[in-house]
Full PDB file with SEQRES, HELIX, SHEET, SSBOND, CRYST1, ORIGX, SCALE, CONECT and MASTER records, all heavy atoms in Angstrom:
SEQRES   1 A   42  ASN PHE LEU LEU ILE ALA ALA ILE VAL LEU TYR LEU VAL          
SEQRES   2 A   42  CYS ALA ALA LEU PRO SER ARG ARG ALA GLY LEU ILE SER          
SEQRES   3 A   42  ALA MET THR ALA LEU ALA TRP LEU LEU HIS GLY ALA GLY          
SEQRES   4 A   42  LEU TRP PHE                                                  
HELIX    1 AA1 PHE A    2  ALA A   16  1                                  15    
HELIX    2 AA2 ALA A   22  TRP A   41  1                                  20    
CRYST1    1.000    1.000    1.000  90.00  90.00  90.00 P 1           1          
ORIGX1      1.000000  0.000000  0.000000        0.00000                         
ORIGX2      0.000000  1.000000  0.000000        0.00000                         
ORIGX3      0.000000  0.000000  1.000000        0.00000                         
SCALE1      1.000000  0.000000  0.000000        0.00000                         
SCALE2      0.000000  1.000000  0.000000        0.00000                         
SCALE3      0.000000  0.000000  1.000000        0.00000                         
ATOM      1  N   ASN A   1      79.830 -20.572  14.293  1.00  0.00           N  
ATOM      2  CA  ASN A   1      80.159 -19.842  13.067  1.00  0.00           C  
ATOM      3  C   ASN A   1      81.260 -18.816  13.313  1.00  0.00           C  
ATOM      4  O   ASN A   1      82.129 -18.612  12.453  1.00  0.00           O  
ATOM      5  CB  ASN A   1      78.916 -19.161  12.506  1.00  0.00           C  
ATOM      6  CG  ASN A   1      77.994 -20.135  11.795  1.00  0.00           C  
ATOM      7  OD1 ASN A   1      78.379 -21.275  11.522  1.00  0.00           O  
ATOM      8  ND2 ASN A   1      76.786 -19.718  11.510  1.00  0.00           N  
ATOM      9  N   PHE A   2      81.236 -18.166  14.464  1.00  0.00           N  
ATOM     10  CA  PHE A   2      82.299 -17.217  14.800  1.00  0.00           C  
ATOM     11  C   PHE A   2      83.646 -17.927  14.870  1.00  0.00           C  
ATOM     12  O   PHE A   2      84.660 -17.440  14.341  1.00  0.00           O  
ATOM     13  CB  PHE A   2      81.990 -16.537  16.133  1.00  0.00           C  
ATOM     14  CG  PHE A   2      83.123 -15.682  16.646  1.00  0.00           C  
ATOM     15  CD1 PHE A   2      83.342 -14.418  16.128  1.00  0.00           C  
ATOM     16  CD2 PHE A   2      83.965 -16.172  17.635  1.00  0.00           C  
ATOM     17  CE1 PHE A   2      84.400 -13.638  16.589  1.00  0.00           C  
ATOM     18  CE2 PHE A   2      85.018 -15.401  18.107  1.00  0.00           C  
ATOM     19  CZ  PHE A   2      85.244 -14.128  17.578  1.00  0.00           C  
ATOM     20  N   LEU A   3      83.677 -19.091  15.505  1.00  0.00           N  
ATOM     21  CA  LEU A   3      84.922 -19.858  15.608  1.00  0.00           C  
ATOM     22  C   LEU A   3      85.414 -20.303  14.235  1.00  0.00           C  
ATOM     23  O   LEU A   3      86.617 -20.222  13.936  1.00  0.00           O  
ATOM     24  CB  LEU A   3      84.702 -21.074  16.506  1.00  0.00           C  
ATOM     25  CG  LEU A   3      84.420 -20.799  17.986  1.00  0.00           C  
ATOM     26  CD1 LEU A   3      83.985 -22.069  18.698  1.00  0.00           C  
ATOM     27  CD2 LEU A   3      85.652 -20.205  18.668  1.00  0.00           C  
ATOM     28  N   LEU A   4      84.485 -20.757  13.401  1.00  0.00           N  
ATOM     29  CA  LEU A   4      84.869 -21.232  12.076  1.00  0.00           C  
ATOM     30  C   LEU A   4      85.365 -20.096  11.190  1.00  0.00           C  
ATOM     31  O   LEU A   4      86.333 -20.258  10.438  1.00  0.00           O  
ATOM     32  CB  LEU A   4      83.682 -21.944  11.417  1.00  0.00           C  
ATOM     33  CG  LEU A   4      83.235 -23.250  12.087  1.00  0.00           C  
ATOM     34  CD1 LEU A   4      81.959 -23.784  11.443  1.00  0.00           C  
ATOM     35  CD2 LEU A   4      84.341 -24.304  12.016  1.00  0.00           C  
ATOM     36  N   ILE A   5      84.706 -18.942  11.263  1.00  0.00           N  
ATOM     37  CA  ILE A   5      85.141 -17.793  10.464  1.00  0.00           C  
ATOM     38  C   ILE A   5      86.526 -17.323  10.909  1.00  0.00           C  
ATOM     39  O   ILE A   5      87.383 -16.970  10.090  1.00  0.00           O  
ATOM     40  CB  ILE A   5      84.110 -16.653  10.554  1.00  0.00           C  
ATOM     41  CG1 ILE A   5      82.821 -17.061   9.831  1.00  0.00           C  
ATOM     42  CG2 ILE A   5      84.660 -15.365   9.945  1.00  0.00           C  
ATOM     43  CD1 ILE A   5      81.665 -16.104  10.033  1.00  0.00           C  
ATOM     44  N   ALA A   6      86.767 -17.322  12.225  1.00  0.00           N  
ATOM     45  CA  ALA A   6      88.095 -16.965  12.729  1.00  0.00           C  
ATOM     46  C   ALA A   6      89.152 -17.940  12.219  1.00  0.00           C  
ATOM     47  O   ALA A   6      90.271 -17.541  11.863  1.00  0.00           O  
ATOM     48  CB  ALA A   6      88.078 -16.936  14.255  1.00  0.00           C  
ATOM     49  N   ALA A   7      88.796 -19.228  12.171  1.00  0.00           N  
ATOM     50  CA  ALA A   7      89.731 -20.234  11.657  1.00  0.00           C  
ATOM     51  C   ALA A   7      90.023 -19.990  10.171  1.00  0.00           C  
ATOM     52  O   ALA A   7      91.168 -20.132   9.725  1.00  0.00           O  
ATOM     53  CB  ALA A   7      89.154 -21.632  11.859  1.00  0.00           C  
ATOM     54  N   ILE A   8      88.993 -19.619   9.403  1.00  0.00           N  
ATOM     55  CA  ILE A   8      89.187 -19.330   7.982  1.00  0.00           C  
ATOM     56  C   ILE A   8      90.210 -18.211   7.798  1.00  0.00           C  
ATOM     57  O   ILE A   8      91.146 -18.313   6.984  1.00  0.00           O  
ATOM     58  CB  ILE A   8      87.849 -18.933   7.324  1.00  0.00           C  
ATOM     59  CG1 ILE A   8      86.898 -20.128   7.277  1.00  0.00           C  
ATOM     60  CG2 ILE A   8      88.077 -18.391   5.907  1.00  0.00           C  
ATOM     61  CD1 ILE A   8      85.490 -19.763   6.834  1.00  0.00           C  
ATOM     62  N   VAL A   9      90.031 -17.125   8.554  1.00  0.00           N  
ATOM     63  CA  VAL A   9      90.935 -15.970   8.438  1.00  0.00           C  
ATOM     64  C   VAL A   9      92.368 -16.383   8.767  1.00  0.00           C  
ATOM     65  O   VAL A   9      93.317 -16.045   8.047  1.00  0.00           O  
ATOM     66  CB  VAL A   9      90.463 -14.833   9.359  1.00  0.00           C  
ATOM     67  CG1 VAL A   9      91.483 -13.708   9.378  1.00  0.00           C  
ATOM     68  CG2 VAL A   9      89.108 -14.314   8.901  1.00  0.00           C  
ATOM     69  N   LEU A  10      92.544 -17.133   9.849  1.00  0.00           N  
ATOM     70  CA  LEU A  10      93.894 -17.534  10.257  1.00  0.00           C  
ATOM     71  C   LEU A  10      94.524 -18.496   9.255  1.00  0.00           C  
ATOM     72  O   LEU A  10      95.734 -18.407   8.983  1.00  0.00           O  
ATOM     73  CB  LEU A  10      93.854 -18.162  11.647  1.00  0.00           C  
ATOM     74  CG  LEU A  10      93.601 -17.191  12.805  1.00  0.00           C  
ATOM     75  CD1 LEU A  10      93.500 -17.947  14.121  1.00  0.00           C  
ATOM     76  CD2 LEU A  10      94.708 -16.156  12.877  1.00  0.00           C  
ATOM     77  N   TYR A  11      93.739 -19.409   8.704  1.00  0.00           N  
ATOM     78  CA  TYR A  11      94.276 -20.315   7.681  1.00  0.00           C  
ATOM     79  C   TYR A  11      94.785 -19.524   6.471  1.00  0.00           C  
ATOM     80  O   TYR A  11      95.854 -19.812   5.918  1.00  0.00           O  
ATOM     81  CB  TYR A  11      93.204 -21.306   7.233  1.00  0.00           C  
ATOM     82  CG  TYR A  11      93.003 -22.481   8.159  1.00  0.00           C  
ATOM     83  CD1 TYR A  11      91.715 -22.996   8.394  1.00  0.00           C  
ATOM     84  CD2 TYR A  11      94.068 -23.109   8.792  1.00  0.00           C  
ATOM     85  CE1 TYR A  11      91.514 -24.081   9.242  1.00  0.00           C  
ATOM     86  CE2 TYR A  11      93.877 -24.187   9.636  1.00  0.00           C  
ATOM     87  CZ  TYR A  11      92.594 -24.673   9.862  1.00  0.00           C  
ATOM     88  OH  TYR A  11      92.411 -25.749  10.687  1.00  0.00           O  
ATOM     89  N   LEU A  12      94.016 -18.536   6.036  1.00  0.00           N  
ATOM     90  CA  LEU A  12      94.421 -17.738   4.882  1.00  0.00           C  
ATOM     91  C   LEU A  12      95.668 -16.913   5.190  1.00  0.00           C  
ATOM     92  O   LEU A  12      96.552 -16.759   4.343  1.00  0.00           O  
ATOM     93  CB  LEU A  12      93.270 -16.829   4.441  1.00  0.00           C  
ATOM     94  CG  LEU A  12      92.045 -17.549   3.861  1.00  0.00           C  
ATOM     95  CD1 LEU A  12      90.935 -16.554   3.558  1.00  0.00           C  
ATOM     96  CD2 LEU A  12      92.424 -18.323   2.597  1.00  0.00           C  
ATOM     97  N   VAL A  13      95.739 -16.362   6.403  1.00  0.00           N  
ATOM     98  CA  VAL A  13      96.935 -15.609   6.795  1.00  0.00           C  
ATOM     99  C   VAL A  13      98.152 -16.526   6.829  1.00  0.00           C  
ATOM    100  O   VAL A  13      99.242 -16.161   6.356  1.00  0.00           O  
ATOM    101  CB  VAL A  13      96.722 -14.936   8.168  1.00  0.00           C  
ATOM    102  CG1 VAL A  13      98.025 -14.326   8.675  1.00  0.00           C  
ATOM    103  CG2 VAL A  13      95.641 -13.864   8.071  1.00  0.00           C  
ATOM    104  N   CYS A  14      97.977 -17.739   7.353  1.00  0.00           N  
ATOM    105  CA  CYS A  14      99.079 -18.712   7.396  1.00  0.00           C  
ATOM    106  C   CYS A  14      99.570 -19.050   5.987  1.00  0.00           C  
ATOM    107  O   CYS A  14     100.775 -19.213   5.761  1.00  0.00           O  
ATOM    108  CB  CYS A  14      98.628 -19.993   8.102  1.00  0.00           C  
ATOM    109  SG  CYS A  14      98.471 -19.839   9.881  1.00  0.00           S  
ATOM    110  N   ALA A  15      98.651 -19.161   5.045  1.00  0.00           N  
ATOM    111  CA  ALA A  15      99.029 -19.476   3.672  1.00  0.00           C  
ATOM    112  C   ALA A  15      99.804 -18.336   3.027  1.00  0.00           C  
ATOM    113  O   ALA A  15     100.652 -18.556   2.158  1.00  0.00           O  
ATOM    114  CB  ALA A  15      97.788 -19.802   2.845  1.00  0.00           C  
ATOM    115  N   ALA A  16      99.530 -17.101   3.445  1.00  0.00           N  
ATOM    116  CA  ALA A  16     100.124 -15.930   2.801  1.00  0.00           C  
ATOM    117  C   ALA A  16     101.455 -15.511   3.420  1.00  0.00           C  
ATOM    118  O   ALA A  16     102.240 -14.818   2.771  1.00  0.00           O  
ATOM    119  CB  ALA A  16      99.148 -14.759   2.850  1.00  0.00           C  
ATOM    120  N   LEU A  17     101.724 -15.910   4.650  1.00  0.00           N  
ATOM    121  CA  LEU A  17     102.944 -15.474   5.318  1.00  0.00           C  
ATOM    122  C   LEU A  17     104.188 -16.034   4.630  1.00  0.00           C  
ATOM    123  O   LEU A  17     104.173 -17.165   4.134  1.00  0.00           O  
ATOM    124  CB  LEU A  17     102.932 -15.920   6.777  1.00  0.00           C  
ATOM    125  CG  LEU A  17     102.003 -15.145   7.726  1.00  0.00           C  
ATOM    126  CD1 LEU A  17     101.954 -15.822   9.087  1.00  0.00           C  
ATOM    127  CD2 LEU A  17     102.480 -13.699   7.876  1.00  0.00           C  
ATOM    128  N   PRO A  18     105.273 -15.272   4.604  1.00  0.00           N  
ATOM    129  CA  PRO A  18     106.526 -15.778   4.004  1.00  0.00           C  
ATOM    130  C   PRO A  18     107.140 -16.874   4.852  1.00  0.00           C  
ATOM    131  O   PRO A  18     106.948 -16.931   6.069  1.00  0.00           O  
ATOM    132  CB  PRO A  18     107.413 -14.534   3.962  1.00  0.00           C  
ATOM    133  CG  PRO A  18     106.883 -13.638   5.038  1.00  0.00           C  
ATOM    134  CD  PRO A  18     105.402 -13.878   5.081  1.00  0.00           C  
ATOM    135  N   SER A  19     107.885 -17.751   4.218  1.00  0.00           N  
ATOM    136  CA  SER A  19     108.448 -18.914   4.898  1.00  0.00           C  
ATOM    137  C   SER A  19     109.385 -18.545   6.034  1.00  0.00           C  
ATOM    138  O   SER A  19     109.563 -19.323   6.982  1.00  0.00           O  
ATOM    139  CB  SER A  19     109.191 -19.801   3.888  1.00  0.00           C  
ATOM    140  OG  SER A  19     108.321 -20.260   2.877  1.00  0.00           O  
ATOM    141  N   ARG A  20     110.021 -17.377   5.951  1.00  0.00           N  
ATOM    142  CA  ARG A  20     110.974 -16.987   7.002  1.00  0.00           C  
ATOM    143  C   ARG A  20     110.287 -16.738   8.344  1.00  0.00           C  
ATOM    144  O   ARG A  20     110.947 -16.689   9.379  1.00  0.00           O  
ATOM    145  CB  ARG A  20     111.744 -15.745   6.573  1.00  0.00           C  
ATOM    146  CG  ARG A  20     110.889 -14.492   6.413  1.00  0.00           C  
ATOM    147  CD  ARG A  20     111.730 -13.286   6.020  1.00  0.00           C  
ATOM    148  NE  ARG A  20     110.933 -12.079   5.874  1.00  0.00           N  
ATOM    149  CZ  ARG A  20     110.325 -11.720   4.764  1.00  0.00           C  
ATOM    150  NH1 ARG A  20     110.434 -12.488   3.672  1.00  0.00           N  
ATOM    151  NH2 ARG A  20     109.614 -10.601   4.713  1.00  0.00           N  
ATOM    152  N   ARG A  21     108.962 -16.586   8.346  1.00  0.00           N  
ATOM    153  CA  ARG A  21     108.218 -16.388   9.601  1.00  0.00           C  
ATOM    154  C   ARG A  21     107.734 -17.733  10.141  1.00  0.00           C  
ATOM    155  O   ARG A  21     106.575 -17.898  10.505  1.00  0.00           O  
ATOM    156  CB  ARG A  21     107.027 -15.458   9.356  1.00  0.00           C  
ATOM    157  CG  ARG A  21     107.384 -14.124   8.704  1.00  0.00           C  
ATOM    158  CD  ARG A  21     108.290 -13.280   9.595  1.00  0.00           C  
ATOM    159  NE  ARG A  21     107.656 -12.946  10.859  1.00  0.00           N  
ATOM    160  CZ  ARG A  21     106.863 -11.893  11.028  1.00  0.00           C  
ATOM    161  NH1 ARG A  21     106.602 -11.081  10.003  1.00  0.00           N  
ATOM    162  NH2 ARG A  21     106.327 -11.642  12.200  1.00  0.00           N  
ATOM    163  N   ALA A  22     108.635 -18.686  10.202  1.00  0.00           N  
ATOM    164  CA  ALA A  22     108.271 -20.062  10.567  1.00  0.00           C  
ATOM    165  C   ALA A  22     107.620 -20.150  11.949  1.00  0.00           C  
ATOM    166  O   ALA A  22     106.645 -20.876  12.145  1.00  0.00           O  
ATOM    167  CB  ALA A  22     109.506 -20.960  10.505  1.00  0.00           C  
ATOM    168  N   GLY A  23     108.179 -19.438  12.921  1.00  0.00           N  
ATOM    169  CA  GLY A  23     107.619 -19.490  14.270  1.00  0.00           C  
ATOM    170  C   GLY A  23     106.208 -18.957  14.327  1.00  0.00           C  
ATOM    171  O   GLY A  23     105.321 -19.569  14.953  1.00  0.00           O  
ATOM    172  N   LEU A  24     105.977 -17.827  13.665  1.00  0.00           N  
ATOM    173  CA  LEU A  24     104.637 -17.236  13.644  1.00  0.00           C  
ATOM    174  C   LEU A  24     103.665 -18.145  12.896  1.00  0.00           C  
ATOM    175  O   LEU A  24     102.511 -18.317  13.324  1.00  0.00           O  
ATOM    176  CB  LEU A  24     104.685 -15.860  12.980  1.00  0.00           C  
ATOM    177  CG  LEU A  24     103.351 -15.113  12.859  1.00  0.00           C  
ATOM    178  CD1 LEU A  24     102.744 -14.877  14.239  1.00  0.00           C  
ATOM    179  CD2 LEU A  24     103.547 -13.794  12.116  1.00  0.00           C  
ATOM    180  N   ILE A  25     104.126 -18.726  11.795  1.00  0.00           N  
ATOM    181  CA  ILE A  25     103.274 -19.634  11.015  1.00  0.00           C  
ATOM    182  C   ILE A  25     102.856 -20.825  11.859  1.00  0.00           C  
ATOM    183  O   ILE A  25     101.689 -21.229  11.878  1.00  0.00           O  
ATOM    184  CB  ILE A  25     104.004 -20.098   9.742  1.00  0.00           C  
ATOM    185  CG1 ILE A  25     104.162 -18.940   8.764  1.00  0.00           C  
ATOM    186  CG2 ILE A  25     103.250 -21.245   9.074  1.00  0.00           C  
ATOM    187  CD1 ILE A  25     105.062 -19.247   7.587  1.00  0.00           C  
ATOM    188  N   SER A  26     103.809 -21.403  12.585  1.00  0.00           N  
ATOM    189  CA  SER A  26     103.510 -22.572  13.420  1.00  0.00           C  
ATOM    190  C   SER A  26     102.495 -22.224  14.502  1.00  0.00           C  
ATOM    191  O   SER A  26     101.540 -22.974  14.745  1.00  0.00           O  
ATOM    192  CB  SER A  26     104.804 -23.097  14.047  1.00  0.00           C  
ATOM    193  OG  SER A  26     104.550 -24.211  14.870  1.00  0.00           O  
ATOM    194  N   ALA A  27     102.683 -21.066  15.153  1.00  0.00           N  
ATOM    195  CA  ALA A  27     101.770 -20.664  16.223  1.00  0.00           C  
ATOM    196  C   ALA A  27     100.371 -20.370  15.678  1.00  0.00           C  
ATOM    197  O   ALA A  27      99.358 -20.785  16.273  1.00  0.00           O  
ATOM    198  CB  ALA A  27     102.325 -19.427  16.932  1.00  0.00           C  
ATOM    199  N   MET A  28     100.298 -19.683  14.534  1.00  0.00           N  
ATOM    200  CA  MET A  28      98.992 -19.349  13.965  1.00  0.00           C  
ATOM    201  C   MET A  28      98.289 -20.588  13.425  1.00  0.00           C  
ATOM    202  O   MET A  28      97.067 -20.688  13.497  1.00  0.00           O  
ATOM    203  CB  MET A  28      99.162 -18.302  12.860  1.00  0.00           C  
ATOM    204  CG  MET A  28      99.588 -16.937  13.381  1.00  0.00           C  
ATOM    205  SD  MET A  28      99.550 -15.664  12.111  1.00  0.00           S  
ATOM    206  CE  MET A  28      97.796 -15.550  11.810  1.00  0.00           C  
ATOM    207  N   THR A  29      99.080 -21.529  12.913  1.00  0.00           N  
ATOM    208  CA  THR A  29      98.482 -22.790  12.457  1.00  0.00           C  
ATOM    209  C   THR A  29      97.847 -23.531  13.625  1.00  0.00           C  
ATOM    210  O   THR A  29      96.722 -24.047  13.527  1.00  0.00           O  
ATOM    211  CB  THR A  29      99.548 -23.674  11.794  1.00  0.00           C  
ATOM    212  OG1 THR A  29     100.077 -23.008  10.646  1.00  0.00           O  
ATOM    213  CG2 THR A  29      98.938 -25.006  11.357  1.00  0.00           C  
ATOM    214  N   ALA A  30      98.558 -23.588  14.748  1.00  0.00           N  
ATOM    215  CA  ALA A  30      98.022 -24.256  15.936  1.00  0.00           C  
ATOM    216  C   ALA A  30      96.753 -23.565  16.425  1.00  0.00           C  
ATOM    217  O   ALA A  30      95.764 -24.233  16.781  1.00  0.00           O  
ATOM    218  CB  ALA A  30      99.086 -24.285  17.037  1.00  0.00           C  
ATOM    219  N   LEU A  31      96.757 -22.233  16.424  1.00  0.00           N  
ATOM    220  CA  LEU A  31      95.570 -21.495  16.875  1.00  0.00           C  
ATOM    221  C   LEU A  31      94.396 -21.708  15.930  1.00  0.00           C  
ATOM    222  O   LEU A  31      93.254 -21.932  16.381  1.00  0.00           O  
ATOM    223  CB  LEU A  31      95.898 -20.003  16.984  1.00  0.00           C  
ATOM    224  CG  LEU A  31      94.751 -19.084  17.421  1.00  0.00           C  
ATOM    225  CD1 LEU A  31      94.202 -19.503  18.776  1.00  0.00           C  
ATOM    226  CD2 LEU A  31      95.214 -17.631  17.449  1.00  0.00           C  
ATOM    227  N   ALA A  32      94.664 -21.642  14.622  1.00  0.00           N  
ATOM    228  CA  ALA A  32      93.598 -21.877  13.640  1.00  0.00           C  
ATOM    229  C   ALA A  32      93.030 -23.278  13.795  1.00  0.00           C  
ATOM    230  O   ALA A  32      91.807 -23.486  13.708  1.00  0.00           O  
ATOM    231  CB  ALA A  32      94.141 -21.672  12.227  1.00  0.00           C  
ATOM    232  N   TRP A  33      93.905 -24.241  14.049  1.00  0.00           N  
ATOM    233  CA  TRP A  33      93.472 -25.631  14.210  1.00  0.00           C  
ATOM    234  C   TRP A  33      92.587 -25.781  15.453  1.00  0.00           C  
ATOM    235  O   TRP A  33      91.580 -26.492  15.418  1.00  0.00           O  
ATOM    236  CB  TRP A  33      94.699 -26.533  14.322  1.00  0.00           C  
ATOM    237  CG  TRP A  33      94.398 -27.979  14.478  1.00  0.00           C  
ATOM    238  CD1 TRP A  33      94.056 -28.867  13.494  1.00  0.00           C  
ATOM    239  CD2 TRP A  33      94.409 -28.729  15.703  1.00  0.00           C  
ATOM    240  NE1 TRP A  33      93.855 -30.124  14.039  1.00  0.00           N  
ATOM    241  CE2 TRP A  33      94.068 -30.060  15.383  1.00  0.00           C  
ATOM    242  CE3 TRP A  33      94.693 -28.394  17.025  1.00  0.00           C  
ATOM    243  CZ2 TRP A  33      93.993 -31.052  16.348  1.00  0.00           C  
ATOM    244  CZ3 TRP A  33      94.612 -29.394  17.992  1.00  0.00           C  
ATOM    245  CH2 TRP A  33      94.264 -30.712  17.643  1.00  0.00           C  
ATOM    246  N   LEU A  34      92.956 -25.130  16.535  1.00  0.00           N  
ATOM    247  CA  LEU A  34      92.154 -25.193  17.761  1.00  0.00           C  
ATOM    248  C   LEU A  34      90.781 -24.555  17.555  1.00  0.00           C  
ATOM    249  O   LEU A  34      89.757 -25.102  17.994  1.00  0.00           O  
ATOM    250  CB  LEU A  34      92.891 -24.499  18.900  1.00  0.00           C  
ATOM    251  CG  LEU A  34      94.127 -25.224  19.446  1.00  0.00           C  
ATOM    252  CD1 LEU A  34      94.861 -24.336  20.452  1.00  0.00           C  
ATOM    253  CD2 LEU A  34      93.750 -26.553  20.094  1.00  0.00           C  
ATOM    254  N   LEU A  35      90.747 -23.403  16.884  1.00  0.00           N  
ATOM    255  CA  LEU A  35      89.466 -22.752  16.609  1.00  0.00           C  
ATOM    256  C   LEU A  35      88.607 -23.604  15.682  1.00  0.00           C  
ATOM    257  O   LEU A  35      87.391 -23.736  15.876  1.00  0.00           O  
ATOM    258  CB  LEU A  35      89.712 -21.383  15.974  1.00  0.00           C  
ATOM    259  CG  LEU A  35      90.323 -20.316  16.886  1.00  0.00           C  
ATOM    260  CD1 LEU A  35      90.719 -19.088  16.085  1.00  0.00           C  
ATOM    261  CD2 LEU A  35      89.346 -19.935  17.998  1.00  0.00           C  
ATOM    262  N   HIS A  36      89.248 -24.190  14.683  1.00  0.00           N  
ATOM    263  CA  HIS A  36      88.543 -25.080  13.753  1.00  0.00           C  
ATOM    264  C   HIS A  36      87.952 -26.270  14.510  1.00  0.00           C  
ATOM    265  O   HIS A  36      86.783 -26.632  14.328  1.00  0.00           O  
ATOM    266  CB  HIS A  36      89.527 -25.544  12.678  1.00  0.00           C  
ATOM    267  CG  HIS A  36      88.937 -26.366  11.594  1.00  0.00           C  
ATOM    268  ND1 HIS A  36      89.686 -26.869  10.550  1.00  0.00           N  
ATOM    269  CD2 HIS A  36      87.664 -26.818  11.384  1.00  0.00           C  
ATOM    270  CE1 HIS A  36      88.899 -27.548   9.753  1.00  0.00           C  
ATOM    271  NE2 HIS A  36      87.680 -27.552  10.232  1.00  0.00           N  
ATOM    272  N   GLY A  37      88.767 -26.888  15.379  1.00  0.00           N  
ATOM    273  CA  GLY A  37      88.294 -28.037  16.151  1.00  0.00           C  
ATOM    274  C   GLY A  37      87.148 -27.686  17.079  1.00  0.00           C  
ATOM    275  O   GLY A  37      86.177 -28.443  17.214  1.00  0.00           O  
ATOM    276  N   ALA A  38      87.250 -26.514  17.738  1.00  0.00           N  
ATOM    277  CA  ALA A  38      86.166 -26.087  18.625  1.00  0.00           C  
ATOM    278  C   ALA A  38      84.891 -25.837  17.832  1.00  0.00           C  
ATOM    279  O   ALA A  38      83.786 -26.213  18.261  1.00  0.00           O  
ATOM    280  CB  ALA A  38      86.580 -24.818  19.383  1.00  0.00           C  
ATOM    281  N   GLY A  39      85.026 -25.214  16.653  1.00  0.00           N  
ATOM    282  CA  GLY A  39      83.859 -24.984  15.801  1.00  0.00           C  
ATOM    283  C   GLY A  39      83.225 -26.284  15.347  1.00  0.00           C  
ATOM    284  O   GLY A  39      81.995 -26.417  15.315  1.00  0.00           O  
ATOM    285  N   LEU A  40      84.067 -27.271  15.006  1.00  0.00           N  
ATOM    286  CA  LEU A  40      83.542 -28.588  14.625  1.00  0.00           C  
ATOM    287  C   LEU A  40      82.779 -29.224  15.781  1.00  0.00           C  
ATOM    288  O   LEU A  40      81.693 -29.791  15.596  1.00  0.00           O  
ATOM    289  CB  LEU A  40      84.703 -29.502  14.208  1.00  0.00           C  
ATOM    290  CG  LEU A  40      85.216 -29.406  12.774  1.00  0.00           C  
ATOM    291  CD1 LEU A  40      86.482 -30.238  12.617  1.00  0.00           C  
ATOM    292  CD2 LEU A  40      84.152 -29.864  11.793  1.00  0.00           C  
ATOM    293  N   TRP A  41      83.351 -29.152  16.969  1.00  0.00           N  
ATOM    294  CA  TRP A  41      82.723 -29.789  18.130  1.00  0.00           C  
ATOM    295  C   TRP A  41      81.351 -29.182  18.416  1.00  0.00           C  
ATOM    296  O   TRP A  41      80.363 -29.905  18.583  1.00  0.00           O  
ATOM    297  CB  TRP A  41      83.626 -29.652  19.342  1.00  0.00           C  
ATOM    298  CG  TRP A  41      83.000 -30.207  20.592  1.00  0.00           C  
ATOM    299  CD1 TRP A  41      82.394 -29.512  21.590  1.00  0.00           C  
ATOM    300  CD2 TRP A  41      82.899 -31.583  20.957  1.00  0.00           C  
ATOM    301  NE1 TRP A  41      81.927 -30.349  22.566  1.00  0.00           N  
ATOM    302  CE2 TRP A  41      82.217 -31.637  22.203  1.00  0.00           C  
ATOM    303  CE3 TRP A  41      83.327 -32.774  20.367  1.00  0.00           C  
ATOM    304  CZ2 TRP A  41      81.965 -32.829  22.858  1.00  0.00           C  
ATOM    305  CZ3 TRP A  41      83.061 -33.965  21.021  1.00  0.00           C  
ATOM    306  CH2 TRP A  41      82.394 -33.984  22.246  1.00  0.00           C  
ATOM    307  N   PHE A  42      81.274 -27.877  18.466  1.00  0.00           N  
ATOM    308  CA  PHE A  42      79.997 -27.218  18.758  1.00  0.00           C  
ATOM    309  C   PHE A  42      78.986 -27.410  17.630  1.00  0.00           C  
ATOM    310  O   PHE A  42      77.771 -27.454  17.870  1.00  0.00           O  
ATOM    311  CB  PHE A  42      80.207 -25.723  19.002  1.00  0.00           C  
ATOM    312  CG  PHE A  42      80.826 -25.407  20.328  1.00  0.00           C  
ATOM    313  CD1 PHE A  42      82.064 -24.798  20.390  1.00  0.00           C  
ATOM    314  CD2 PHE A  42      80.183 -25.739  21.510  1.00  0.00           C  
ATOM    315  CE1 PHE A  42      82.651 -24.512  21.619  1.00  0.00           C  
ATOM    316  CE2 PHE A  42      80.757 -25.456  22.744  1.00  0.00           C  
ATOM    317  CZ  PHE A  42      81.999 -24.838  22.796  1.00  0.00           C  
TER     318      PHE A  42                                                      
MASTER        0    0    0    2    0    0    0    6  317    1    0    4          
END                                                                             
């Protein structure tokens, strides 16, 4: 649940960031995806 909640927060932040922050968006998307995947696995 901790991993999934962290993924939720990062997904929402990724959705809200302006397009000019492409590098940050890409990195946060990857991190959110990893947390989401780990939460799914457990």
